[in-house]
Amino acid sequence: MKKCISILLAVMLIFSLSIPAYAADKKPSAAFVTFGLGGDFFQALADTFVTTMEAEGWNAEYADGQFNPTAQIDAMENYIAKGVDVIVLWSVAPEAMGFVIEQAQAAGIKVVAFVAPTENYDALMLADDAKLADSLNMLAAKWIDEAFADAEDHSVPVAVFSCRTAQTGVTQADELIKIEEYSDKAQFAKEVELQDENTDTGMAAAENLYITNPEIKVFLSAHNGLALGINNYFTGLSSPVTDYADMGVFCVNGNEEIGKLIQDEKTPFRGMVLTGGVQDTCNEIRDVVTGIYDESLPSGTVTNATTLFVNEDTVEEYLETGNVTSLTEADFE
């Protein structure tokens, strides 16, 4: 009898180990394979995704995409093995993710493609990369044309700090270098192409650019880490500049920290555009994830994010509410 019980316990143990991690949990489960965690915005988005989904009664976690498709594929395979119900994927290289997405769907897992469209998905949450960069051009052009109203046309030099290691960065850099199409006064002077998008890289690059091109006073970047680095260089103790009246730093996908810099007259930060605040974005992800899971949203659903314009006129509204309604794309037409 003891031998039979031992055999039964061993079989039960083997069986339990073969069940995916979430299979025995009654809560639905969602995982976010991030673009990467190289910046406050990305980390805040990942953390807020977890807390927002958990508040809805889900198990939730995220993986660092490392700005690397191989790392993202590994994370996807890990979540497939765990048996999660829904995976949200912000793909670095959408064309590389087809097979692993098919694996997930074959296992009954719903896949929500976030920002970067993949060939297959159960739902797609779009934030048009080119349009977002164009929106930054509009916001920057407004400031440039007002701040340099007396300058000759296309005489105000502008630098674009880019990171083209992922398609999103390529698309947005290609748009930002078109700043002259949006401003009567701006002159595209230089693209500073970098291999990552963190703050230290931006700070070092800003110092190098000032040594060679001190006349450049306006800086655009699709990467908030690089933009913060530019700001930190010019506001640091060793900064060669103390008067920021004719300087402007602008970025895509900022956050509350950058909002406070825009609000501070003692920094050159002038504006940012983003697809809703972090919490608003995670609320939208939650709604899509739950809808695609319970089938209240049809398979193939596509949603589009709205753009927030934050500058000195709207930053108080943004910091108080997490949203901006007083300045929209229609105001630039």
Protein backbone atom coordinates (compact mmCIF):
# COMPACT_ATOMS: atom_id res chain seq x y z
CA MET A 1 0.00 0.00 0.00
CA LYS A 2 2.79 2.41 0.93
CA LYS A 3 4.45 1.67 -2.40
CA CYS A 4 1.22 2.49 -4.27
CA ILE A 5 0.82 5.75 -2.39
CA SER A 6 4.42 6.71 -3.18
CA ILE A 7 3.90 6.00 -6.87
CA LEU A 8 0.67 8.01 -6.84
CA LEU A 9 2.36 10.98 -5.16
CA ALA A 10 5.21 10.86 -7.68
CA VAL A 11 2.76 10.84 -10.60
CA MET A 12 0.85 13.76 -9.08
CA LEU A 13 4.10 15.70 -8.63
CA ILE A 14 5.15 15.13 -12.24
CA PHE A 15 1.69 16.13 -13.43
CA SER A 16 1.71 19.32 -11.35
CA LEU A 17 5.12 20.30 -12.71
CA SER A 18 3.84 19.90 -16.27
CA ILE A 19 0.96 22.34 -15.75
CA PRO A 20 1.74 25.95 -16.79
CA ALA A 21 2.37 28.30 -13.86
CA TYR A 22 -0.98 30.07 -14.13
CA ALA A 23 -3.16 27.10 -15.09
CA ALA A 24 -4.30 26.35 -11.54
CA ASP A 25 -4.91 30.01 -10.67
CA LYS A 26 -8.46 31.21 -11.24
CA LYS A 27 -7.27 34.73 -12.01
CA PRO A 28 -6.59 35.55 -15.69
CA SER A 29 -2.99 36.43 -16.41
CA ALA A 30 -1.33 39.05 -18.60
CA ALA A 31 2.29 39.72 -19.44
CA PHE A 32 3.91 42.75 -21.06
CA VAL A 33 7.01 42.23 -23.21
CA THR A 34 8.36 45.77 -23.15
CA PHE A 35 10.30 47.63 -25.82
CA GLY A 36 13.02 48.03 -23.20
CA LEU A 37 13.52 49.59 -19.78
CA GLY A 38 16.19 52.16 -20.67
CA GLY A 39 14.37 55.21 -19.33
CA ASP A 40 11.93 56.38 -16.69
CA PHE A 41 8.97 56.34 -19.09
CA PHE A 42 9.50 52.70 -20.07
CA GLN A 43 9.95 51.57 -16.47
CA ALA A 44 6.92 53.53 -15.28
CA LEU A 45 4.82 52.04 -18.09
CA ALA A 46 5.86 48.51 -17.14
CA ASP A 47 5.26 49.02 -13.41
CA THR A 48 1.92 50.75 -13.96
CA PHE A 49 0.80 47.98 -16.33
CA VAL A 50 1.25 45.49 -13.49
CA THR A 51 -0.55 47.56 -10.84
CA THR A 52 -3.39 48.45 -13.22
CA MET A 53 -4.01 44.84 -14.27
CA GLU A 54 -3.72 43.57 -10.70
CA ALA A 55 -6.29 46.15 -9.59
CA GLU A 56 -8.59 44.62 -12.21
CA GLY A 57 -8.14 41.17 -10.64
CA TRP A 58 -5.44 39.81 -12.96
CA ASN A 59 -2.05 38.25 -12.40
CA ALA A 60 0.39 40.49 -14.25
CA GLU A 61 4.10 40.80 -14.91
CA TYR A 62 6.51 42.22 -17.47
CA ALA A 63 9.80 41.36 -19.13
CA ASP A 64 12.57 43.72 -20.23
CA GLY A 65 12.65 43.67 -24.03
CA GLN A 66 16.19 45.12 -23.89
CA PHE A 67 15.57 46.89 -27.23
CA ASN A 68 16.51 43.51 -28.67
CA PRO A 69 14.27 41.15 -30.71
CA THR A 70 16.13 38.08 -29.47
CA ALA A 71 15.43 39.04 -25.86
CA GLN A 72 11.79 39.64 -26.78
CA ILE A 73 11.46 36.23 -28.43
CA ASP A 74 12.96 34.61 -25.31
CA ALA A 75 10.47 36.48 -23.13
CA MET A 76 7.56 35.45 -25.36
CA GLU A 77 8.61 31.80 -25.21
CA ASN A 78 8.87 32.03 -21.43
CA TYR A 79 5.33 33.38 -21.17
CA ILE A 80 4.04 30.72 -23.56
CA ALA A 81 5.57 28.08 -21.28
CA LYS A 82 3.95 29.74 -18.25
CA GLY A 83 0.57 29.62 -19.94
CA VAL A 84 -0.43 33.27 -19.56
CA ASP A 85 -3.76 34.28 -21.06
CA VAL A 86 -2.72 37.49 -22.84
CA ILE A 87 0.65 38.87 -23.94
CA VAL A 88 1.10 42.56 -24.72
CA LEU A 89 4.06 43.00 -27.08
CA TRP A 90 5.82 46.28 -27.88
CA SER A 91 8.05 44.87 -30.59
CA VAL A 92 11.51 46.17 -31.43
CA ALA A 93 11.47 44.38 -34.81
CA PRO A 94 7.92 43.32 -35.73
CA GLU A 95 9.08 41.33 -38.74
CA ALA A 96 11.12 39.04 -36.44
CA MET A 97 8.23 38.14 -34.14
CA GLY A 98 5.91 36.29 -36.54
CA PHE A 99 6.82 32.71 -35.59
CA VAL A 100 6.72 33.23 -31.82
CA ILE A 101 3.37 35.06 -32.08
CA GLU A 102 2.01 32.09 -34.04
CA GLN A 103 3.30 29.83 -31.24
CA ALA A 104 1.48 31.90 -28.64
CA GLN A 105 -1.79 31.94 -30.58
CA ALA A 106 -1.55 28.19 -31.24
CA ALA A 107 -1.31 27.75 -27.47
CA GLY A 108 -4.52 29.74 -27.02
CA ILE A 109 -2.80 32.91 -25.85
CA LYS A 110 -4.15 36.26 -27.06
CA VAL A 111 -1.52 38.66 -28.40
CA VAL A 112 -1.95 42.43 -28.24
CA ALA A 113 0.53 44.27 -30.47
CA PHE A 114 1.32 47.62 -28.85
CA VAL A 115 2.61 50.62 -30.89
CA ALA A 116 4.53 48.50 -33.41
CA PRO A 117 2.20 46.51 -35.74
CA THR A 118 3.07 42.84 -36.20
CA GLU A 119 1.79 40.65 -39.03
CA ASN A 120 -0.47 38.68 -36.70
CA TYR A 121 -2.27 39.88 -33.58
CA ASP A 122 -5.56 39.54 -31.75
CA ALA A 123 -5.66 43.28 -31.07
CA LEU A 124 -3.50 46.20 -32.19
CA MET A 125 -2.96 49.38 -30.21
CA LEU A 126 -1.49 51.96 -32.54
CA ALA A 127 0.55 55.03 -31.77
CA ASP A 128 1.65 56.29 -35.15
CA ASP A 129 5.42 56.82 -34.78
CA ALA A 130 5.68 59.23 -37.71
CA LYS A 131 2.66 61.22 -36.60
CA LEU A 132 4.01 61.52 -33.07
CA ALA A 133 7.30 62.90 -34.38
CA ASP A 134 5.40 65.28 -36.66
CA SER A 135 3.48 66.45 -33.60
CA LEU A 136 6.77 67.23 -31.87
CA ASN A 137 7.84 69.21 -34.92
CA MET A 138 4.62 71.23 -34.70
CA LEU A 139 5.12 71.95 -31.01
CA ALA A 140 8.79 72.88 -31.45
CA ALA A 141 8.03 75.03 -34.51
CA LYS A 142 5.49 77.02 -32.54
CA TRP A 143 8.10 77.89 -29.92
CA ILE A 144 10.89 78.56 -32.44
CA ASP A 145 8.79 80.90 -34.57
CA GLU A 146 7.63 82.83 -31.51
CA ALA A 147 11.01 82.94 -29.72
CA PHE A 148 12.90 83.94 -32.86
CA ALA A 149 10.22 86.05 -34.51
CA ASP A 150 12.78 88.61 -35.71
CA ALA A 151 15.27 86.09 -37.09
CA GLU A 152 15.78 85.57 -40.81
CA ASP A 153 13.85 82.69 -42.29
CA HIS A 154 15.46 79.28 -41.70
CA SER A 155 18.35 80.76 -39.74
CA VAL A 156 17.80 79.11 -36.33
CA PRO A 157 19.93 75.93 -36.21
CA VAL A 158 18.29 72.79 -34.85
CA ALA A 159 19.92 69.46 -33.91
CA VAL A 160 18.14 66.13 -33.81
CA PHE A 161 19.43 63.56 -31.31
CA SER A 162 18.50 60.12 -32.65
CA CYS A 163 18.87 56.44 -31.87
CA ARG A 164 18.20 54.36 -34.99
CA THR A 165 18.76 50.92 -33.48
CA ALA A 166 15.02 50.10 -33.76
CA GLN A 167 12.53 50.91 -36.52
CA THR A 168 10.60 53.28 -34.27
CA GLY A 169 13.74 55.38 -33.83
CA VAL A 170 14.40 55.35 -37.58
CA THR A 171 10.88 56.46 -38.42
CA GLN A 172 10.82 59.25 -35.88
CA ALA A 173 14.30 60.54 -36.69
CA ASP A 174 13.37 60.68 -40.38
CA GLU A 175 10.44 62.92 -39.45
CA LEU A 176 12.25 65.16 -36.97
CA ILE A 177 14.90 66.16 -39.49
CA LYS A 178 12.05 67.72 -41.49
CA ILE A 179 11.65 70.52 -38.91
CA GLU A 180 12.11 73.18 -41.61
CA GLU A 181 8.79 72.08 -43.16
CA TYR A 182 7.01 73.09 -39.95
CA SER A 183 8.85 76.28 -38.99
CA ASP A 184 9.60 79.47 -40.91
CA LYS A 185 12.63 80.15 -38.72
CA ALA A 186 14.17 76.72 -38.10
CA GLN A 187 17.15 75.36 -40.00
CA PHE A 188 17.97 71.67 -39.67
CA ALA A 189 21.68 71.77 -38.85
CA LYS A 190 22.78 68.34 -37.64
CA GLU A 191 21.66 64.86 -36.66
CA VAL A 192 23.52 63.38 -33.71
CA GLU A 193 23.04 59.63 -34.15
CA LEU A 194 23.65 57.56 -31.02
CA GLN A 195 23.64 53.85 -30.23
CA ASP A 196 21.46 53.96 -27.15
CA GLU A 197 18.98 56.38 -25.64
CA ASN A 198 19.95 56.79 -22.01
CA THR A 199 20.54 60.03 -20.14
CA ASP A 200 24.33 59.68 -19.77
CA THR A 201 24.68 59.18 -23.53
CA GLY A 202 22.61 62.29 -24.21
CA MET A 203 24.63 64.33 -21.73
CA ALA A 204 27.98 63.33 -23.26
CA ALA A 205 26.70 63.93 -26.78
CA ALA A 206 25.40 67.39 -25.84
CA GLU A 207 28.82 68.31 -24.48
CA ASN A 208 30.55 67.12 -27.64
CA LEU A 209 28.11 69.00 -29.84
CA TYR A 210 28.55 72.22 -27.89
CA ILE A 211 32.33 72.03 -28.40
CA THR A 212 31.91 71.79 -32.20
CA ASN A 213 28.64 73.66 -32.73
CA PRO A 214 27.97 76.12 -29.87
CA GLU A 215 25.57 78.03 -32.11
CA ILE A 216 22.98 75.25 -31.95
CA LYS A 217 20.45 76.13 -29.26
CA VAL A 218 17.42 73.98 -30.20
CA PHE A 219 17.37 70.22 -29.75
CA LEU A 220 14.76 67.63 -30.76
CA SER A 221 14.73 63.97 -29.79
CA ALA A 222 12.29 61.10 -30.02
CA HIS A 223 13.95 59.70 -26.88
CA ASN A 224 13.26 61.23 -23.49
CA GLY A 225 16.49 59.81 -22.04
CA LEU A 226 18.60 61.66 -24.59
CA ALA A 227 16.59 64.84 -24.09
CA LEU A 228 17.10 64.63 -20.33
CA GLY A 229 20.82 64.23 -20.94
CA ILE A 230 20.88 67.39 -23.05
CA ASN A 231 19.03 69.26 -20.33
CA ASN A 232 21.30 67.90 -17.62
CA TYR A 233 24.43 69.02 -19.47
CA PHE A 234 23.22 72.59 -19.89
CA THR A 235 21.89 72.88 -16.32
CA GLY A 236 24.81 71.16 -14.61
CA LEU A 237 27.43 72.87 -12.47
CA SER A 238 29.97 72.79 -15.30
CA SER A 239 27.54 74.08 -17.93
CA PRO A 240 28.93 76.72 -20.30
CA VAL A 241 25.43 78.25 -20.48
CA THR A 242 23.43 80.00 -17.76
CA ASP A 243 20.86 81.91 -19.83
CA TYR A 244 18.29 79.62 -21.43
CA ALA A 245 16.04 82.25 -22.99
CA ASP A 246 16.99 81.28 -26.54
CA MET A 247 17.38 77.53 -25.90
CA GLY A 248 14.81 74.80 -26.38
CA VAL A 249 14.77 71.05 -25.74
CA PHE A 250 11.83 68.97 -26.98
CA CYS A 251 11.12 65.25 -26.82
CA VAL A 252 8.64 62.46 -27.51
CA ASN A 253 7.21 60.30 -24.71
CA GLY A 254 8.10 62.44 -21.75
CA ASN A 255 6.79 62.02 -18.22
CA GLU A 256 5.99 63.93 -15.05
CA GLU A 257 9.69 64.55 -14.38
CA ILE A 258 10.05 66.27 -17.73
CA GLY A 259 6.78 68.11 -17.13
CA LYS A 260 8.32 69.67 -14.04
CA LEU A 261 11.38 70.70 -16.06
CA ILE A 262 9.14 72.38 -18.64
CA GLN A 263 7.45 74.21 -15.77
CA ASP A 264 10.82 75.37 -14.40
CA GLU A 265 12.05 78.60 -16.01
CA LYS A 266 15.63 77.70 -15.05
CA THR A 267 15.89 74.89 -17.63
CA PRO A 268 15.86 74.85 -21.45
CA PHE A 269 13.13 72.18 -21.62
CA ARG A 270 10.23 73.65 -23.61
CA GLY A 271 7.92 70.84 -24.58
CA MET A 272 7.04 67.20 -25.16
CA VAL A 273 4.42 65.14 -26.91
CA LEU A 274 3.16 61.81 -25.67
CA THR A 275 0.36 59.36 -26.27
CA GLY A 276 -1.46 60.02 -23.04
CA GLY A 277 0.02 59.79 -19.57
CA VAL A 278 1.40 56.51 -18.27
CA GLN A 279 -1.74 55.73 -16.27
CA ASP A 280 -4.05 56.68 -19.16
CA THR A 281 -2.05 54.46 -21.49
CA CYS A 282 -2.19 51.55 -19.06
CA ASN A 283 -5.93 52.05 -18.66
CA GLU A 284 -6.25 51.74 -22.44
CA ILE A 285 -4.09 48.59 -22.41
CA ARG A 286 -6.26 47.18 -19.61
CA ASP A 287 -9.44 47.80 -21.57
CA VAL A 288 -8.06 46.12 -24.69
CA VAL A 289 -6.58 43.18 -22.77
CA THR A 290 -9.78 42.49 -20.85
CA GLY A 291 -11.91 43.02 -23.95
CA ILE A 292 -9.94 40.67 -26.13
CA TYR A 293 -9.82 38.09 -23.31
CA ASP A 294 -13.56 38.03 -22.60
CA GLU A 295 -14.33 38.52 -26.32
CA SER A 296 -16.28 41.74 -25.77
CA LEU A 297 -13.86 43.13 -28.35
CA PRO A 298 -13.70 41.26 -31.68
CA SER A 299 -10.50 39.62 -32.83
CA GLY A 300 -8.50 42.02 -34.99
CA THR A 301 -9.57 45.12 -33.03
CA VAL A 302 -7.43 48.19 -33.78
CA THR A 303 -7.35 51.24 -31.48
CA ASN A 304 -5.54 54.55 -31.96
CA ALA A 305 -3.89 56.64 -29.25
CA THR A 306 -4.41 60.39 -28.98
CA THR A 307 -1.49 62.82 -28.71
CA LEU A 308 -0.94 65.18 -25.78
CA PHE A 309 0.90 68.46 -26.39
CA VAL A 310 2.74 69.72 -23.32
CA ASN A 311 4.44 73.13 -23.28
CA GLU A 312 4.62 76.08 -20.90
CA ASP A 313 0.96 76.85 -21.55
CA THR A 314 -0.37 73.35 -20.87
CA VAL A 315 2.13 71.84 -18.43
CA GLU A 316 0.13 72.78 -15.34
CA GLU A 317 -2.92 71.06 -16.80
CA TYR A 318 -0.82 67.98 -17.57
CA LEU A 319 0.75 67.79 -14.11
CA GLU A 320 -2.61 68.23 -12.37
CA THR A 321 -4.72 65.89 -14.49
CA GLY A 322 -2.34 63.70 -16.49
CA ASN A 323 -4.12 64.89 -19.62
CA VAL A 324 -4.19 67.92 -21.96
CA THR A 325 -7.33 69.07 -23.72
CA SER A 326 -6.62 72.79 -24.11
CA LEU A 327 -4.08 72.29 -26.91
CA THR A 328 -4.76 69.78 -29.69
CA GLU A 329 -3.59 69.03 -33.19
CA ALA A 330 -6.39 71.21 -34.56
CA ASP A 331 -4.73 74.25 -32.98
CA PHE A 332 -1.73 73.84 -35.27
CA GLU A 333 -3.72 73.74 -38.49
